[in-house]
Amino acid sequence: MSIQDIPVLGGSGRIKTGAMRFEGDWPGLFIRGDDCMALFDLVNAAFSASDESPVGAIGMLQGILSKYFIIMKEDVFQFETEEAE
């Protein structure tokens, strides 16, 4: 898959990581390049970590993935968040 450059009309040119929809298409999750690099580094570390020390990378990866999960749950798919009792 190649990169598709999409001009940002009337905006600052900087789009945040989050839910995004183009016209009438399905909504999805956009991950900014800087956030994507951090995610790439953690996934790479988690998969290439020795059996002795994958815990740190996996824990940090879980933190980032939980952030993206919440964006997908609440903004992309718009599921209601359950209130803590």
N, C-alpha and C. Protein backbone atom coordinates (compact mmCIF):
# COMPACT_ATOMS: atom_id res chain seq x y z
N MET A 1 0.85 -1.17 0.00
CA MET A 1 0.00 0.00 0.00
C MET A 1 0.90 1.24 0.00
N SER A 2 0.56 2.21 -0.79
CA SER A 2 1.36 3.42 -0.85
C SER A 2 0.71 4.53 -0.02
N ILE A 3 1.47 5.60 0.21
CA ILE A 3 0.97 6.73 0.98
C ILE A 3 0.06 7.57 0.10
N GLN A 4 -1.08 7.94 0.65
CA GLN A 4 -2.00 8.82 -0.05
C GLN A 4 -1.92 10.19 0.60
N ASP A 5 -1.44 11.20 -0.13
CA ASP A 5 -1.39 12.55 0.39
C ASP A 5 -2.76 13.19 0.25
N ILE A 6 -3.29 13.69 1.35
CA ILE A 6 -4.61 14.30 1.36
C ILE A 6 -4.45 15.74 1.83
N PRO A 7 -4.78 16.71 1.00
CA PRO A 7 -4.64 18.10 1.42
C PRO A 7 -5.64 18.46 2.51
N VAL A 8 -5.21 19.29 3.43
CA VAL A 8 -6.08 19.76 4.51
C VAL A 8 -6.52 21.17 4.13
N LEU A 9 -7.77 21.31 3.77
CA LEU A 9 -8.28 22.60 3.34
C LEU A 9 -8.80 23.39 4.53
N GLY A 10 -8.33 24.61 4.67
CA GLY A 10 -8.83 25.50 5.71
C GLY A 10 -8.37 25.14 7.12
N GLY A 11 -7.40 24.26 7.25
CA GLY A 11 -6.93 23.87 8.58
C GLY A 11 -5.50 24.28 8.79
N SER A 12 -4.98 23.90 9.92
CA SER A 12 -3.61 24.26 10.26
C SER A 12 -2.60 23.34 9.56
N GLY A 13 -3.09 22.26 8.95
CA GLY A 13 -2.21 21.31 8.31
C GLY A 13 -1.74 20.22 9.26
N ARG A 14 -1.99 20.34 10.53
CA ARG A 14 -1.58 19.34 11.51
C ARG A 14 -2.83 18.64 12.04
N ILE A 15 -2.95 17.38 11.72
CA ILE A 15 -4.11 16.60 12.15
C ILE A 15 -3.69 15.71 13.30
N LYS A 16 -4.46 15.69 14.37
CA LYS A 16 -4.15 14.90 15.55
C LYS A 16 -4.51 13.44 15.35
N THR A 17 -3.86 12.58 16.12
CA THR A 17 -4.24 11.17 16.17
C THR A 17 -5.66 11.09 16.69
N GLY A 18 -6.51 10.34 16.02
CA GLY A 18 -7.88 10.21 16.47
C GLY A 18 -8.79 9.67 15.39
N ALA A 19 -10.08 9.73 15.68
CA ALA A 19 -11.09 9.24 14.74
C ALA A 19 -11.14 10.16 13.53
N MET A 20 -11.33 9.56 12.35
CA MET A 20 -11.38 10.35 11.12
C MET A 20 -12.31 9.66 10.12
N ARG A 21 -13.04 10.49 9.38
CA ARG A 21 -13.89 9.96 8.32
C ARG A 21 -13.73 10.87 7.10
N PHE A 22 -13.63 10.29 5.94
CA PHE A 22 -13.55 11.05 4.70
C PHE A 22 -14.90 10.97 4.01
N GLU A 23 -15.55 12.12 3.90
CA GLU A 23 -16.86 12.25 3.29
C GLU A 23 -17.81 11.19 3.85
N GLY A 24 -18.41 10.34 3.02
CA GLY A 24 -19.39 9.37 3.50
C GLY A 24 -18.80 8.00 3.80
N ASP A 25 -17.47 7.89 3.82
CA ASP A 25 -16.81 6.60 4.04
C ASP A 25 -16.91 6.18 5.51
N TRP A 26 -16.52 4.95 5.79
CA TRP A 26 -16.51 4.45 7.16
C TRP A 26 -15.50 5.25 7.99
N PRO A 27 -15.80 5.50 9.27
CA PRO A 27 -14.81 6.15 10.11
C PRO A 27 -13.67 5.18 10.43
N GLY A 28 -12.53 5.73 10.74
CA GLY A 28 -11.38 4.92 11.08
C GLY A 28 -10.48 5.64 12.07
N LEU A 29 -9.37 5.04 12.38
CA LEU A 29 -8.41 5.61 13.31
C LEU A 29 -7.21 6.12 12.53
N PHE A 30 -6.91 7.40 12.67
CA PHE A 30 -5.73 7.99 12.07
C PHE A 30 -4.66 8.10 13.14
N ILE A 31 -3.46 7.63 12.84
CA ILE A 31 -2.34 7.72 13.79
C ILE A 31 -1.28 8.61 13.14
N ARG A 32 -1.02 9.76 13.78
CA ARG A 32 -0.01 10.70 13.29
C ARG A 32 1.35 10.01 13.16
N GLY A 33 2.18 10.53 12.29
CA GLY A 33 3.49 9.94 12.06
C GLY A 33 4.33 9.82 13.32
N ASP A 34 4.33 10.86 14.18
CA ASP A 34 5.15 10.78 15.39
C ASP A 34 4.60 9.74 16.35
N ASP A 35 3.27 9.64 16.47
CA ASP A 35 2.67 8.60 17.31
C ASP A 35 2.91 7.22 16.69
N CYS A 36 2.87 7.15 15.37
CA CYS A 36 3.08 5.89 14.67
C CYS A 36 4.52 5.39 14.88
N MET A 37 5.48 6.31 14.91
CA MET A 37 6.87 5.91 15.14
C MET A 37 7.03 5.32 16.54
N ALA A 38 6.40 5.95 17.53
CA ALA A 38 6.46 5.41 18.89
C ALA A 38 5.83 4.02 18.95
N LEU A 39 4.69 3.85 18.29
CA LEU A 39 4.02 2.56 18.25
C LEU A 39 4.90 1.52 17.55
N PHE A 40 5.49 1.90 16.43
CA PHE A 40 6.39 1.01 15.69
C PHE A 40 7.55 0.56 16.58
N ASP A 41 8.17 1.51 17.26
CA ASP A 41 9.32 1.19 18.12
C ASP A 41 8.93 0.19 19.22
N LEU A 42 7.75 0.39 19.82
CA LEU A 42 7.32 -0.51 20.90
C LEU A 42 6.93 -1.89 20.38
N VAL A 43 6.25 -1.94 19.24
CA VAL A 43 5.90 -3.24 18.65
C VAL A 43 7.18 -3.99 18.27
N ASN A 44 8.12 -3.28 17.67
CA ASN A 44 9.38 -3.88 17.30
C ASN A 44 10.12 -4.41 18.53
N ALA A 45 10.15 -3.61 19.59
CA ALA A 45 10.83 -4.03 20.83
C ALA A 45 10.13 -5.24 21.45
N ALA A 46 8.80 -5.24 21.42
CA ALA A 46 8.05 -6.35 22.02
C ALA A 46 8.29 -7.66 21.27
N PHE A 47 8.35 -7.58 19.93
CA PHE A 47 8.55 -8.79 19.15
C PHE A 47 10.00 -9.25 19.06
N SER A 48 10.92 -8.32 19.26
CA SER A 48 12.32 -8.71 19.15
C SER A 48 13.01 -8.82 20.50
N ALA A 49 12.26 -8.60 21.59
CA ALA A 49 12.85 -8.68 22.93
C ALA A 49 13.25 -10.11 23.24
N SER A 50 14.31 -10.23 23.97
CA SER A 50 14.73 -11.56 24.40
C SER A 50 13.71 -12.09 25.40
N ASP A 51 13.74 -13.37 25.61
CA ASP A 51 12.81 -13.98 26.57
C ASP A 51 13.00 -13.42 27.97
N GLU A 52 14.14 -12.80 28.23
CA GLU A 52 14.44 -12.31 29.57
C GLU A 52 13.77 -10.97 29.89
N SER A 53 13.56 -10.10 28.87
CA SER A 53 13.08 -8.75 29.19
C SER A 53 12.03 -8.17 28.25
N PRO A 54 10.99 -8.94 27.88
CA PRO A 54 9.96 -8.33 27.03
C PRO A 54 8.92 -7.56 27.83
N VAL A 55 8.93 -7.69 29.15
CA VAL A 55 7.86 -7.14 29.99
C VAL A 55 7.75 -5.63 29.87
N GLY A 56 8.86 -4.89 29.89
CA GLY A 56 8.81 -3.44 29.82
C GLY A 56 8.20 -2.95 28.52
N ALA A 57 8.65 -3.50 27.40
CA ALA A 57 8.13 -3.08 26.09
C ALA A 57 6.66 -3.46 25.96
N ILE A 58 6.29 -4.63 26.43
CA ILE A 58 4.90 -5.06 26.32
C ILE A 58 4.00 -4.20 27.20
N GLY A 59 4.47 -3.83 28.38
CA GLY A 59 3.68 -2.96 29.25
C GLY A 59 3.45 -1.60 28.62
N MET A 60 4.50 -1.02 28.02
CA MET A 60 4.36 0.28 27.36
C MET A 60 3.46 0.17 26.13
N LEU A 61 3.57 -0.94 25.41
CA LEU A 61 2.73 -1.17 24.24
C LEU A 61 1.27 -1.27 24.65
N GLN A 62 0.99 -1.94 25.76
CA GLN A 62 -0.38 -2.03 26.26
C GLN A 62 -0.94 -0.64 26.57
N GLY A 63 -0.11 0.24 27.12
CA GLY A 63 -0.55 1.60 27.41
C GLY A 63 -0.96 2.35 26.17
N ILE A 64 -0.14 2.28 25.12
CA ILE A 64 -0.47 2.97 23.87
C ILE A 64 -1.70 2.34 23.22
N LEU A 65 -1.75 1.00 23.19
CA LEU A 65 -2.90 0.33 22.56
C LEU A 65 -4.20 0.63 23.30
N SER A 66 -4.13 0.80 24.63
CA SER A 66 -5.35 1.11 25.37
C SER A 66 -5.86 2.50 24.99
N LYS A 67 -4.93 3.45 24.71
CA LYS A 67 -5.32 4.79 24.25
C LYS A 67 -6.04 4.69 22.91
N TYR A 68 -5.49 3.91 21.98
CA TYR A 68 -6.12 3.76 20.67
C TYR A 68 -7.43 2.99 20.77
N PHE A 69 -7.51 2.03 21.67
CA PHE A 69 -8.75 1.28 21.87
C PHE A 69 -9.86 2.22 22.32
N ILE A 70 -9.57 3.13 23.24
CA ILE A 70 -10.59 4.07 23.73
C ILE A 70 -11.04 4.99 22.60
N ILE A 71 -10.11 5.47 21.77
CA ILE A 71 -10.49 6.30 20.62
C ILE A 71 -11.41 5.53 19.69
N MET A 72 -11.05 4.27 19.40
CA MET A 72 -11.89 3.47 18.50
C MET A 72 -13.25 3.21 19.13
N LYS A 73 -13.27 2.87 20.41
CA LYS A 73 -14.53 2.53 21.08
C LYS A 73 -15.46 3.74 21.18
N GLU A 74 -14.92 4.88 21.61
CA GLU A 74 -15.77 6.03 21.90
C GLU A 74 -15.99 6.95 20.71
N ASP A 75 -14.98 7.09 19.83
CA ASP A 75 -15.08 8.06 18.74
C ASP A 75 -15.33 7.42 17.39
N VAL A 76 -14.59 6.36 17.05
CA VAL A 76 -14.76 5.74 15.74
C VAL A 76 -16.07 4.97 15.69
N PHE A 77 -16.29 4.09 16.65
CA PHE A 77 -17.49 3.25 16.64
C PHE A 77 -18.59 3.79 17.54
N GLN A 78 -18.27 4.79 18.35
CA GLN A 78 -19.20 5.50 19.21
C GLN A 78 -20.00 4.58 20.14
N PHE A 79 -19.29 3.63 20.76
CA PHE A 79 -19.91 2.84 21.80
C PHE A 79 -19.90 3.66 23.07
N GLU A 80 -20.95 3.54 23.86
CA GLU A 80 -20.99 4.30 25.11
C GLU A 80 -20.03 3.68 26.12
N THR A 81 -19.36 4.56 26.86
CA THR A 81 -18.44 4.09 27.89
C THR A 81 -19.25 3.76 29.13
N GLU A 82 -18.97 2.60 29.72
CA GLU A 82 -19.67 2.20 30.93
C GLU A 82 -19.16 3.03 32.10
N GLU A 83 -20.07 3.57 32.87
CA GLU A 83 -19.72 4.37 34.05
C GLU A 83 -19.25 3.45 35.17
N ALA A 84 -18.20 3.87 35.86
CA ALA A 84 -17.73 3.11 37.02
C ALA A 84 -18.71 3.31 38.15
N GLU A 85 -19.02 2.23 38.82
CA GLU A 85 -19.99 2.33 39.93
C GLU A 85 -19.30 2.42 41.24
